[in-house]
């Protein structure tokens, strides 16, 4: 007797997680391409010019730390940074597409990635509280909790019954 496969139920929280993963992947691809394009230029001054172009103060508390970090990236490092960013973007895109297909390995990959960043975010918050890091921490905790709690329901076809 042939067993029919029921259509996957709608899972809005999973769709949000997929959106986060895919958006992060696309943003990182664009960032990597931008770094490649800016290779040989002073990233800190390019960043300052961009902020001024969109009428933001590059010396503001929110923007200055990133500018300082960009100043530290040397010309030989830029291709390595761009390549690393591109590889990480492909990781995020793979996670997102795997979650769309609802394969269990993608769920575990998303759980592992979110778990990896939680201690780093806690460390950053200990160094100095920022709302952005706090929200990212909460999102990663929520992703881990949701995917662990619902993994059997979300990824049934990845398990033998």
Protein backbone atom coordinates (compact mmCIF):
# COMPACT_ATOMS: atom_id res chain seq x y z
CA UNK A 1 0.00 0.00 0.00
CA UNK A 2 1.45 3.32 -1.05
CA UNK A 3 1.75 5.92 1.67
CA UNK A 4 0.96 9.50 0.69
CA UNK A 5 3.10 12.34 1.93
CA UNK A 6 1.12 15.14 3.55
CA UNK A 7 1.96 18.66 2.41
CA UNK A 8 4.17 20.62 4.78
CA UNK A 9 2.24 22.74 7.26
CA UNK A 10 2.72 26.48 7.22
CA UNK A 11 5.31 27.52 9.77
CA UNK A 12 5.65 31.32 9.90
CA UNK A 13 8.50 31.28 12.43
CA UNK A 14 10.53 29.02 10.15
CA UNK A 15 9.82 31.40 7.26
CA UNK A 16 11.20 34.28 9.35
CA UNK A 17 14.35 32.26 10.11
CA UNK A 18 14.70 31.43 6.40
CA UNK A 19 14.31 35.12 5.57
CA UNK A 20 17.00 36.06 8.10
CA UNK A 21 19.42 33.47 6.70
CA UNK A 22 18.80 34.44 3.07
CA UNK A 23 18.97 38.18 3.79
CA UNK A 24 22.20 37.72 5.71
CA UNK A 25 23.64 35.67 2.85
CA UNK A 26 22.75 38.29 0.23
CA UNK A 27 24.09 41.16 2.37
CA UNK A 28 27.34 39.27 2.93
CA UNK A 29 27.73 38.54 -0.81
CA UNK A 30 27.29 42.25 -1.52
CA UNK A 31 29.74 43.12 1.26
CA UNK A 32 32.32 40.67 -0.13
CA UNK A 33 31.93 42.09 -3.63
CA UNK A 34 32.29 45.60 -2.21
CA UNK A 35 35.49 44.64 -0.39
CA UNK A 36 36.90 43.12 -3.59
CA UNK A 37 36.00 46.29 -5.46
CA UNK A 38 37.61 48.50 -2.81
CA UNK A 39 40.79 46.43 -2.74
CA UNK A 40 43.75 48.77 -2.81
CA UNK A 41 41.78 51.66 -1.33
CA UNK A 42 41.61 52.94 2.24
CA UNK A 43 38.42 51.35 3.55
CA UNK A 44 38.15 53.70 6.53
CA UNK A 45 38.13 56.83 4.38
CA UNK A 46 35.73 55.23 1.85
CA UNK A 47 33.39 54.40 4.75
CA UNK A 48 33.61 57.98 6.06
CA UNK A 49 32.82 59.35 2.58
CA UNK A 50 29.81 57.04 2.26
CA UNK A 51 28.45 58.16 5.63
CA UNK A 52 28.89 61.81 4.71
CA UNK A 53 27.17 61.19 1.36
CA UNK A 54 24.08 59.88 3.15
CA UNK A 55 24.36 62.73 5.68
CA UNK A 56 25.50 60.72 8.70
CA UNK A 57 28.31 61.72 11.04
CA UNK A 58 31.19 59.18 10.76
CA UNK A 59 32.43 60.28 14.19
CA UNK A 60 29.10 59.38 15.87
CA UNK A 61 29.34 56.78 18.62
CA UNK A 62 27.46 54.21 16.54
CA UNK A 63 29.59 54.53 13.36
CA UNK A 64 33.07 55.35 14.68
CA UNK A 65 33.98 51.82 15.92
CA UNK A 66 33.31 50.27 12.51
CA UNK A 67 35.39 52.97 10.83
CA UNK A 68 38.21 52.25 13.28
CA UNK A 69 38.02 48.54 12.45
CA UNK A 70 38.05 49.27 8.71
CA UNK A 71 41.18 51.40 9.17
CA UNK A 72 42.95 48.31 10.57
CA UNK A 73 42.33 46.23 7.44
CA UNK A 74 45.53 46.34 5.42
CA UNK A 75 45.73 45.94 1.65
CA UNK A 76 47.05 42.34 1.75
CA UNK A 77 44.24 41.39 4.16
CA UNK A 78 41.38 42.72 2.02
CA UNK A 79 41.25 39.80 -0.44
CA UNK A 80 41.32 37.36 2.50
CA UNK A 81 38.54 39.29 4.28
CA UNK A 82 36.48 39.41 1.07
CA UNK A 83 36.99 35.68 0.42
CA UNK A 84 36.10 34.78 4.02
CA UNK A 85 32.99 36.97 3.83
CA UNK A 86 31.98 35.35 0.55
CA UNK A 87 32.43 31.84 1.97
CA UNK A 88 30.37 32.74 5.03
CA UNK A 89 27.67 34.22 2.78
CA UNK A 90 27.47 30.93 0.87
CA UNK A 91 27.13 29.13 4.22
CA UNK A 92 24.15 31.37 5.14
CA UNK A 93 22.56 30.94 1.70
CA UNK A 94 22.99 27.15 1.92
CA UNK A 95 21.33 27.19 5.34
CA UNK A 96 18.44 29.25 4.01
CA UNK A 97 17.83 27.06 0.97
CA UNK A 98 18.21 23.91 3.08
CA UNK A 99 15.59 25.25 5.48
CA UNK A 100 13.28 26.00 2.53
CA UNK A 101 13.60 22.34 1.53
CA UNK A 102 13.15 21.41 5.20
CA UNK A 103 16.09 19.05 5.31
CA UNK A 104 17.25 18.12 8.79
CA UNK A 105 20.93 18.93 8.20
CA UNK A 106 20.00 22.57 7.49
CA UNK A 107 18.15 22.75 10.80
CA UNK A 108 21.19 21.42 12.63
CA UNK A 109 23.44 23.81 10.70
CA UNK A 110 21.27 26.78 11.72
CA UNK A 111 21.24 25.60 15.34
CA UNK A 112 25.03 25.16 15.33
CA UNK A 113 25.66 28.55 13.76
CA UNK A 114 23.38 30.35 16.20
CA UNK A 115 24.93 28.48 19.15
CA UNK A 116 28.40 29.44 17.93
CA UNK A 117 27.62 33.16 18.04
CA UNK A 118 25.84 33.28 21.43
CA UNK A 119 29.06 33.26 23.53
CA UNK A 120 30.61 35.87 21.22
CA UNK A 121 27.58 38.12 21.61
CA UNK A 122 27.63 37.66 25.39
CA UNK A 123 31.30 38.62 25.40
CA UNK A 124 30.57 41.73 23.32
CA UNK A 125 27.77 42.73 25.70
CA UNK A 126 30.14 42.33 28.64
CA UNK A 127 32.57 44.70 26.94
CA UNK A 128 29.83 47.28 26.48
CA UNK A 129 26.09 47.02 26.03
CA UNK A 130 24.62 47.83 22.63
CA UNK A 131 21.03 47.25 21.57
CA UNK A 132 22.11 45.79 18.22
CA UNK A 133 24.19 43.02 19.82
CA UNK A 134 21.46 42.43 22.41
CA UNK A 135 18.80 41.98 19.69
CA UNK A 136 21.10 39.70 17.67
CA UNK A 137 21.67 37.63 20.83
CA UNK A 138 17.92 37.33 21.41
CA UNK A 139 17.36 36.34 17.76
CA UNK A 140 20.03 33.63 17.96
CA UNK A 141 18.61 32.27 21.23
CA UNK A 142 15.12 32.24 19.68
CA UNK A 143 16.40 30.41 16.57
CA UNK A 144 18.12 27.73 18.68
CA UNK A 145 15.09 27.32 20.94
CA UNK A 146 12.56 27.17 18.09
CA UNK A 147 14.54 24.80 15.87
CA UNK A 148 15.46 22.45 18.74
CA UNK A 149 11.94 22.39 20.11
CA UNK A 150 10.29 21.84 16.69
CA UNK A 151 12.93 19.84 14.80
CA UNK A 152 10.87 16.64 14.57
CA UNK A 153 7.79 18.50 13.29
CA UNK A 154 9.75 20.72 10.88
CA UNK A 155 12.13 18.14 9.45
CA UNK A 156 10.19 14.87 9.50
CA UNK A 157 11.54 13.59 6.19
CA UNK A 158 15.09 13.76 7.60
CA UNK A 159 14.38 11.03 10.14
CA UNK A 160 13.70 7.35 9.70
CA UNK A 161 10.50 6.23 11.45
